[in-house]
């Protein structure tokens, strides 16, 4: 079985389109979250992911759109984009983001946006954090 794993689209339609164009044929595509954030096309990116019916996990930017209290953890630019996304994305897309799970097991592999210890928020930036997540 051939599976494509996409993550961190961040509302960048042009990058998403390029990845889709260059991706070889696969049996399934899974999105590990952050469909929105930073880029200017959150509606188009969410619509494409939902149209393709990909299993999708929630990322920290997706979660921030449905739980603005966590914006205190974001830098000012990222928080501004989240606020803008909330204004433009529409209720139906926000509900879709709200319903995304934070993990999935597929073929005995744990899929998450961030790390096994903290599925949404932990950055794995060094070997010590990576090792701690494997224990």
N, C-alpha and C. Protein backbone atom coordinates (compact mmCIF):
# COMPACT_ATOMS: atom_id res chain seq x y z
N UNK A 1 0.85 -1.18 0.00
CA UNK A 1 0.00 0.00 0.00
C UNK A 1 0.89 1.24 0.00
N UNK A 2 0.60 2.15 -0.91
CA UNK A 2 1.35 3.41 -1.00
C UNK A 2 0.51 4.52 -0.38
N UNK A 3 1.10 5.20 0.61
CA UNK A 3 0.40 6.26 1.33
C UNK A 3 1.22 7.54 1.22
N UNK A 4 0.55 8.63 0.86
CA UNK A 4 1.18 9.95 0.88
C UNK A 4 0.81 10.62 2.20
N UNK A 5 1.79 11.21 2.84
CA UNK A 5 1.57 11.95 4.08
C UNK A 5 1.84 13.42 3.79
N UNK A 6 0.82 14.25 4.01
CA UNK A 6 0.96 15.70 3.86
C UNK A 6 0.79 16.34 5.23
N UNK A 7 1.46 17.46 5.42
CA UNK A 7 1.33 18.18 6.69
C UNK A 7 1.69 19.64 6.47
N UNK A 8 1.16 20.48 7.32
CA UNK A 8 1.54 21.89 7.36
C UNK A 8 1.33 22.60 6.02
N UNK A 9 0.15 22.42 5.47
CA UNK A 9 -0.23 23.13 4.25
C UNK A 9 -0.28 24.63 4.52
N UNK A 10 -0.74 25.00 5.69
CA UNK A 10 -0.77 26.39 6.15
C UNK A 10 -1.42 27.34 5.16
N UNK A 11 -2.53 26.90 4.56
CA UNK A 11 -3.33 27.75 3.67
C UNK A 11 -2.55 28.25 2.46
N UNK A 12 -1.51 27.54 2.07
CA UNK A 12 -0.70 27.91 0.92
C UNK A 12 -1.15 27.06 -0.27
N UNK A 13 -2.14 27.58 -0.99
CA UNK A 13 -2.73 26.83 -2.10
C UNK A 13 -1.69 26.50 -3.17
N UNK A 14 -0.83 27.44 -3.52
CA UNK A 14 0.13 27.19 -4.60
C UNK A 14 1.09 26.06 -4.25
N UNK A 15 1.54 26.02 -3.01
CA UNK A 15 2.42 24.92 -2.58
C UNK A 15 1.65 23.60 -2.56
N UNK A 16 0.43 23.64 -2.07
CA UNK A 16 -0.38 22.41 -2.03
C UNK A 16 -0.61 21.88 -3.45
N UNK A 17 -0.93 22.79 -4.35
CA UNK A 17 -1.16 22.41 -5.74
C UNK A 17 0.10 21.78 -6.36
N UNK A 18 1.26 22.34 -6.04
CA UNK A 18 2.52 21.80 -6.57
C UNK A 18 2.79 20.40 -6.02
N UNK A 19 2.53 20.20 -4.73
CA UNK A 19 2.72 18.88 -4.13
C UNK A 19 1.78 17.87 -4.78
N UNK A 20 0.53 18.25 -4.96
CA UNK A 20 -0.43 17.34 -5.57
C UNK A 20 -0.04 16.99 -7.01
N UNK A 21 0.47 17.96 -7.71
CA UNK A 21 0.89 17.74 -9.10
C UNK A 21 2.08 16.79 -9.17
N UNK A 22 3.00 16.91 -8.22
CA UNK A 22 4.23 16.11 -8.25
C UNK A 22 4.12 14.78 -7.53
N UNK A 23 3.05 14.57 -6.78
CA UNK A 23 2.89 13.34 -6.01
C UNK A 23 2.59 12.17 -6.95
N UNK A 24 3.33 11.08 -6.82
CA UNK A 24 3.01 9.91 -7.65
C UNK A 24 1.67 9.31 -7.22
N UNK A 25 1.10 8.45 -8.02
CA UNK A 25 -0.17 7.81 -7.62
C UNK A 25 0.00 7.03 -6.31
N UNK A 26 -0.98 7.20 -5.42
CA UNK A 26 -0.95 6.52 -4.12
C UNK A 26 -2.32 5.91 -3.85
N UNK A 27 -2.34 4.98 -2.90
CA UNK A 27 -3.60 4.35 -2.50
C UNK A 27 -4.39 5.23 -1.54
N UNK A 28 -3.68 6.03 -0.75
CA UNK A 28 -4.34 6.88 0.24
C UNK A 28 -3.45 8.07 0.55
N UNK A 29 -4.08 9.18 0.89
CA UNK A 29 -3.37 10.37 1.35
C UNK A 29 -3.89 10.71 2.73
N UNK A 30 -2.97 11.02 3.64
CA UNK A 30 -3.32 11.40 5.00
C UNK A 30 -2.71 12.77 5.26
N UNK A 31 -3.47 13.65 5.89
CA UNK A 31 -3.00 14.99 6.23
C UNK A 31 -2.80 15.06 7.74
N UNK A 32 -1.59 15.43 8.16
CA UNK A 32 -1.26 15.48 9.59
C UNK A 32 -1.51 16.85 10.22
N UNK A 33 -2.30 17.68 9.59
CA UNK A 33 -2.75 18.90 10.25
C UNK A 33 -2.10 20.18 9.77
N UNK A 34 -2.59 21.27 10.34
CA UNK A 34 -2.26 22.63 9.95
C UNK A 34 -2.61 22.88 8.49
N UNK A 35 -3.86 22.60 8.17
CA UNK A 35 -4.39 22.94 6.85
C UNK A 35 -4.43 24.46 6.71
N UNK A 36 -4.65 25.17 7.81
CA UNK A 36 -4.73 26.63 7.80
C UNK A 36 -3.54 27.23 8.55
N UNK A 37 -3.40 28.55 8.41
CA UNK A 37 -2.35 29.27 9.11
C UNK A 37 -1.33 29.83 8.13
N UNK A 38 -0.94 31.07 8.31
CA UNK A 38 0.08 31.77 7.54
C UNK A 38 -0.35 32.15 6.13
N UNK A 39 -0.79 31.24 5.30
CA UNK A 39 -1.09 31.53 3.90
C UNK A 39 -2.42 32.22 3.69
N UNK A 40 -2.65 32.63 2.46
CA UNK A 40 -3.81 33.44 2.13
C UNK A 40 -5.02 32.70 1.59
N UNK A 41 -4.96 31.36 1.49
CA UNK A 41 -6.07 30.61 0.90
C UNK A 41 -6.63 29.53 1.83
N UNK A 42 -7.03 29.90 3.04
CA UNK A 42 -7.53 28.85 3.95
C UNK A 42 -8.79 28.16 3.44
N UNK A 43 -9.71 28.92 2.84
CA UNK A 43 -10.94 28.30 2.34
C UNK A 43 -10.64 27.29 1.24
N UNK A 44 -9.82 27.69 0.30
CA UNK A 44 -9.50 26.80 -0.82
C UNK A 44 -8.78 25.54 -0.36
N UNK A 45 -7.86 25.68 0.58
CA UNK A 45 -7.12 24.51 1.07
C UNK A 45 -8.03 23.57 1.86
N UNK A 46 -8.86 24.11 2.75
CA UNK A 46 -9.80 23.26 3.48
C UNK A 46 -10.76 22.58 2.51
N UNK A 47 -11.26 23.33 1.55
CA UNK A 47 -12.19 22.74 0.58
C UNK A 47 -11.55 21.60 -0.20
N UNK A 48 -10.30 21.75 -0.57
CA UNK A 48 -9.61 20.70 -1.33
C UNK A 48 -9.42 19.44 -0.47
N UNK A 49 -9.00 19.63 0.77
CA UNK A 49 -8.80 18.48 1.66
C UNK A 49 -10.12 17.77 1.92
N UNK A 50 -11.18 18.53 2.16
CA UNK A 50 -12.48 17.90 2.44
C UNK A 50 -13.05 17.26 1.18
N UNK A 51 -12.86 17.90 0.03
CA UNK A 51 -13.34 17.32 -1.24
C UNK A 51 -12.68 15.97 -1.51
N UNK A 52 -11.41 15.87 -1.19
CA UNK A 52 -10.68 14.63 -1.41
C UNK A 52 -10.93 13.60 -0.31
N UNK A 53 -11.61 14.04 0.75
CA UNK A 53 -11.98 13.14 1.85
C UNK A 53 -10.77 12.45 2.48
N UNK A 54 -9.69 13.21 2.63
CA UNK A 54 -8.50 12.66 3.26
C UNK A 54 -8.70 12.55 4.77
N UNK A 55 -8.26 11.47 5.38
CA UNK A 55 -8.19 11.47 6.84
C UNK A 55 -7.26 12.62 7.25
N UNK A 56 -7.71 13.46 8.17
CA UNK A 56 -6.96 14.65 8.53
C UNK A 56 -6.94 14.80 10.05
N UNK A 57 -5.76 15.14 10.57
CA UNK A 57 -5.60 15.40 12.00
C UNK A 57 -5.57 16.90 12.24
N UNK A 58 -5.80 17.28 13.48
CA UNK A 58 -5.77 18.69 13.84
C UNK A 58 -4.33 19.11 14.15
N UNK A 59 -3.94 20.26 13.64
CA UNK A 59 -2.66 20.86 13.99
C UNK A 59 -2.89 22.04 14.92
N UNK A 60 -1.82 22.61 15.42
CA UNK A 60 -1.96 23.71 16.38
C UNK A 60 -2.63 24.94 15.75
N UNK A 61 -2.38 25.22 14.49
CA UNK A 61 -3.04 26.37 13.84
C UNK A 61 -4.52 26.08 13.59
N UNK A 62 -4.83 24.85 13.23
CA UNK A 62 -6.24 24.46 13.08
C UNK A 62 -6.96 24.62 14.41
N UNK A 63 -6.34 24.12 15.48
CA UNK A 63 -6.95 24.19 16.81
C UNK A 63 -7.13 25.64 17.26
N UNK A 64 -6.16 26.49 16.96
CA UNK A 64 -6.26 27.89 17.37
C UNK A 64 -7.47 28.57 16.75
N UNK A 65 -7.87 28.15 15.56
CA UNK A 65 -9.05 28.74 14.93
C UNK A 65 -10.33 28.39 15.67
N UNK A 66 -10.32 27.31 16.41
CA UNK A 66 -11.53 26.89 17.14
C UNK A 66 -11.38 27.06 18.64
N UNK A 67 -10.20 27.44 19.10
CA UNK A 67 -9.95 27.68 20.53
C UNK A 67 -8.98 28.85 20.65
N UNK A 68 -9.47 30.09 20.42
CA UNK A 68 -8.59 31.25 20.40
C UNK A 68 -7.83 31.51 21.70
N UNK A 69 -8.21 30.85 22.79
CA UNK A 69 -7.46 31.04 24.04
C UNK A 69 -6.00 30.62 23.90
N UNK A 70 -5.71 29.70 23.00
CA UNK A 70 -4.32 29.25 22.86
C UNK A 70 -3.47 30.22 22.06
N UNK A 71 -4.06 31.30 21.56
CA UNK A 71 -3.28 32.27 20.79
C UNK A 71 -2.16 32.91 21.61
N UNK A 72 -2.26 32.86 22.93
CA UNK A 72 -1.20 33.42 23.77
C UNK A 72 0.12 32.69 23.54
N UNK A 73 0.09 31.48 23.02
CA UNK A 73 1.30 30.70 22.74
C UNK A 73 1.87 31.01 21.37
N UNK A 74 1.15 31.76 20.55
CA UNK A 74 1.57 32.06 19.18
C UNK A 74 2.31 33.39 19.13
N UNK A 75 3.23 33.53 18.18
CA UNK A 75 3.83 34.84 17.99
C UNK A 75 2.78 35.78 17.39
N UNK A 76 3.06 37.07 17.41
CA UNK A 76 2.06 38.06 16.99
C UNK A 76 1.60 37.86 15.55
N UNK A 77 2.52 37.56 14.65
CA UNK A 77 2.14 37.37 13.24
C UNK A 77 1.24 36.16 13.07
N UNK A 78 1.60 35.05 13.69
CA UNK A 78 0.78 33.84 13.57
C UNK A 78 -0.60 34.06 14.18
N UNK A 79 -0.66 34.75 15.32
CA UNK A 79 -1.94 35.02 15.96
C UNK A 79 -2.82 35.91 15.09
N UNK A 80 -2.22 36.89 14.43
CA UNK A 80 -2.99 37.76 13.53
C UNK A 80 -3.59 36.97 12.38
N UNK A 81 -2.82 36.04 11.83
CA UNK A 81 -3.33 35.23 10.73
C UNK A 81 -4.46 34.33 11.20
N UNK A 82 -4.35 33.78 12.40
CA UNK A 82 -5.43 32.95 12.94
C UNK A 82 -6.70 33.78 13.08
N UNK A 83 -6.58 34.99 13.63
CA UNK A 83 -7.77 35.85 13.78
C UNK A 83 -8.40 36.16 12.42
N UNK A 84 -7.57 36.46 11.43
CA UNK A 84 -8.07 36.71 10.08
C UNK A 84 -8.74 35.47 9.51
N UNK A 85 -8.12 34.31 9.69
CA UNK A 85 -8.69 33.06 9.18
C UNK A 85 -10.07 32.82 9.78
N UNK A 86 -10.22 33.05 11.08
CA UNK A 86 -11.52 32.87 11.74
C UNK A 86 -12.57 33.76 11.08
N UNK A 87 -12.18 34.98 10.72
CA UNK A 87 -13.12 35.92 10.10
C UNK A 87 -13.56 35.49 8.71
N UNK A 88 -12.66 34.89 7.94
CA UNK A 88 -12.95 34.64 6.52
C UNK A 88 -13.35 33.21 6.19
N UNK A 89 -13.07 32.26 7.06
CA UNK A 89 -13.19 30.86 6.66
C UNK A 89 -14.63 30.34 6.64
N UNK A 90 -15.49 30.90 7.45
CA UNK A 90 -16.89 30.46 7.46
C UNK A 90 -17.16 29.38 8.49
N UNK A 91 -18.40 29.34 8.94
CA UNK A 91 -18.79 28.44 10.03
C UNK A 91 -18.63 26.96 9.67
N UNK A 92 -18.97 26.59 8.45
CA UNK A 92 -18.89 25.17 8.06
C UNK A 92 -17.45 24.66 8.12
N UNK A 93 -16.52 25.46 7.66
CA UNK A 93 -15.12 25.05 7.70
C UNK A 93 -14.59 25.05 9.13
N UNK A 94 -15.02 26.02 9.93
CA UNK A 94 -14.62 26.02 11.34
C UNK A 94 -15.13 24.77 12.05
N UNK A 95 -16.34 24.35 11.75
CA UNK A 95 -16.87 23.12 12.35
C UNK A 95 -16.06 21.91 11.92
N UNK A 96 -15.64 21.88 10.67
CA UNK A 96 -14.80 20.78 10.20
C UNK A 96 -13.49 20.76 10.98
N UNK A 97 -12.86 21.93 11.14
CA UNK A 97 -11.62 22.00 11.92
C UNK A 97 -11.85 21.54 13.36
N UNK A 98 -12.96 21.96 13.94
CA UNK A 98 -13.28 21.60 15.32
C UNK A 98 -13.42 20.09 15.50
N UNK A 99 -13.86 19.40 14.47
CA UNK A 99 -14.09 17.97 14.57
C UNK A 99 -12.88 17.09 14.28
N UNK A 100 -11.75 17.69 13.93
CA UNK A 100 -10.58 16.88 13.58
C UNK A 100 -9.98 16.21 14.81
N UNK A 101 -9.61 14.94 14.70
CA UNK A 101 -8.98 14.24 15.81
C UNK A 101 -7.51 14.66 15.95
N UNK A 102 -6.93 14.42 17.14
CA UNK A 102 -5.53 14.77 17.34
C UNK A 102 -4.57 13.62 17.06
N UNK A 103 -5.11 12.44 16.79
CA UNK A 103 -4.25 11.30 16.46
C UNK A 103 -5.06 10.24 15.73
N UNK A 104 -4.33 9.34 15.09
CA UNK A 104 -4.95 8.21 14.41
C UNK A 104 -3.90 7.11 14.33
N UNK A 105 -4.33 5.88 14.47
CA UNK A 105 -3.44 4.74 14.27
C UNK A 105 -3.78 4.13 12.92
N UNK A 106 -2.76 4.01 12.08
CA UNK A 106 -2.94 3.47 10.73
C UNK A 106 -1.84 2.44 10.50
N UNK A 107 -2.24 1.21 10.22
CA UNK A 107 -1.28 0.14 9.98
C UNK A 107 -0.26 0.04 11.12
N UNK A 108 -0.77 0.13 12.34
CA UNK A 108 0.03 0.03 13.57
C UNK A 108 1.03 1.18 13.74
N UNK A 109 0.79 2.30 13.08
CA UNK A 109 1.64 3.48 13.21
C UNK A 109 0.80 4.60 13.81
N UNK A 110 1.31 5.23 14.87
CA UNK A 110 0.63 6.37 15.48
C UNK A 110 0.92 7.61 14.65
N UNK A 111 -0.13 8.24 14.16
CA UNK A 111 -0.01 9.46 13.38
C UNK A 111 -0.46 10.64 14.24
N UNK A 112 0.36 11.68 14.30
CA UNK A 112 0.05 12.88 15.06
C UNK A 112 0.61 14.09 14.30
N UNK A 113 0.18 15.27 14.72
CA UNK A 113 0.72 16.48 14.11
C UNK A 113 2.09 16.82 14.70
N UNK A 114 2.23 16.70 16.00
CA UNK A 114 3.44 17.17 16.66
C UNK A 114 4.31 16.02 17.17
N UNK A 115 3.92 15.42 18.29
CA UNK A 115 4.73 14.35 18.87
C UNK A 115 3.83 13.33 19.56
N UNK A 116 4.34 12.14 19.81
CA UNK A 116 3.54 11.14 20.54
C UNK A 116 3.16 11.60 21.95
N UNK A 117 4.02 12.41 22.60
CA UNK A 117 3.71 12.87 23.96
C UNK A 117 2.67 13.97 23.97
N UNK A 118 2.72 14.84 23.00
CA UNK A 118 1.79 15.97 22.90
C UNK A 118 1.41 16.09 21.43
N UNK A 119 0.27 15.53 21.10
CA UNK A 119 -0.12 15.33 19.71
C UNK A 119 -0.23 16.61 18.89
N UNK A 120 -0.43 17.74 19.54
CA UNK A 120 -0.69 18.97 18.78
C UNK A 120 0.41 20.02 18.94
N UNK A 121 0.99 20.15 20.11
CA UNK A 121 1.80 21.34 20.39
C UNK A 121 3.31 21.14 20.52
N UNK A 122 3.79 19.95 20.81
CA UNK A 122 5.22 19.80 21.08
C UNK A 122 6.05 19.79 19.79
N UNK A 123 7.02 20.68 19.75
CA UNK A 123 7.97 20.70 18.65
C UNK A 123 9.11 19.72 18.97
N UNK A 124 9.47 18.90 18.01
CA UNK A 124 10.59 17.97 18.18
C UNK A 124 11.77 18.60 17.44
N UNK A 125 12.58 19.34 18.20
CA UNK A 125 13.64 20.14 17.60
C UNK A 125 15.04 19.58 17.84
N UNK A 126 15.15 18.57 18.67
CA UNK A 126 16.47 18.01 18.93
C UNK A 126 16.36 16.52 19.26
N UNK A 127 17.49 15.87 19.32
CA UNK A 127 17.49 14.42 19.54
C UNK A 127 17.00 14.05 20.93
N UNK A 128 17.22 14.91 21.92
CA UNK A 128 16.76 14.59 23.28
C UNK A 128 15.23 14.52 23.32
N UNK A 129 14.56 15.45 22.70
CA UNK A 129 13.10 15.44 22.66
C UNK A 129 12.61 14.26 21.83
N UNK A 130 13.28 14.00 20.72
CA UNK A 130 12.90 12.85 19.89
C UNK A 130 13.04 11.55 20.67
N UNK A 131 14.15 11.39 21.37
CA UNK A 131 14.37 10.17 22.16
C UNK A 131 13.32 10.04 23.26
N UNK A 132 13.01 11.13 23.94
CA UNK A 132 12.01 11.09 25.01
C UNK A 132 10.65 10.65 24.47
N UNK A 133 10.36 11.00 23.25
CA UNK A 133 9.09 10.62 22.64
C UNK A 133 9.04 9.15 22.25
N UNK A 134 10.18 8.53 22.13
CA UNK A 134 10.23 7.12 21.75
C UNK A 134 10.22 6.19 22.96
N UNK A 135 10.36 6.74 24.14
CA UNK A 135 10.40 5.91 25.35
C UNK A 135 9.01 5.61 25.86
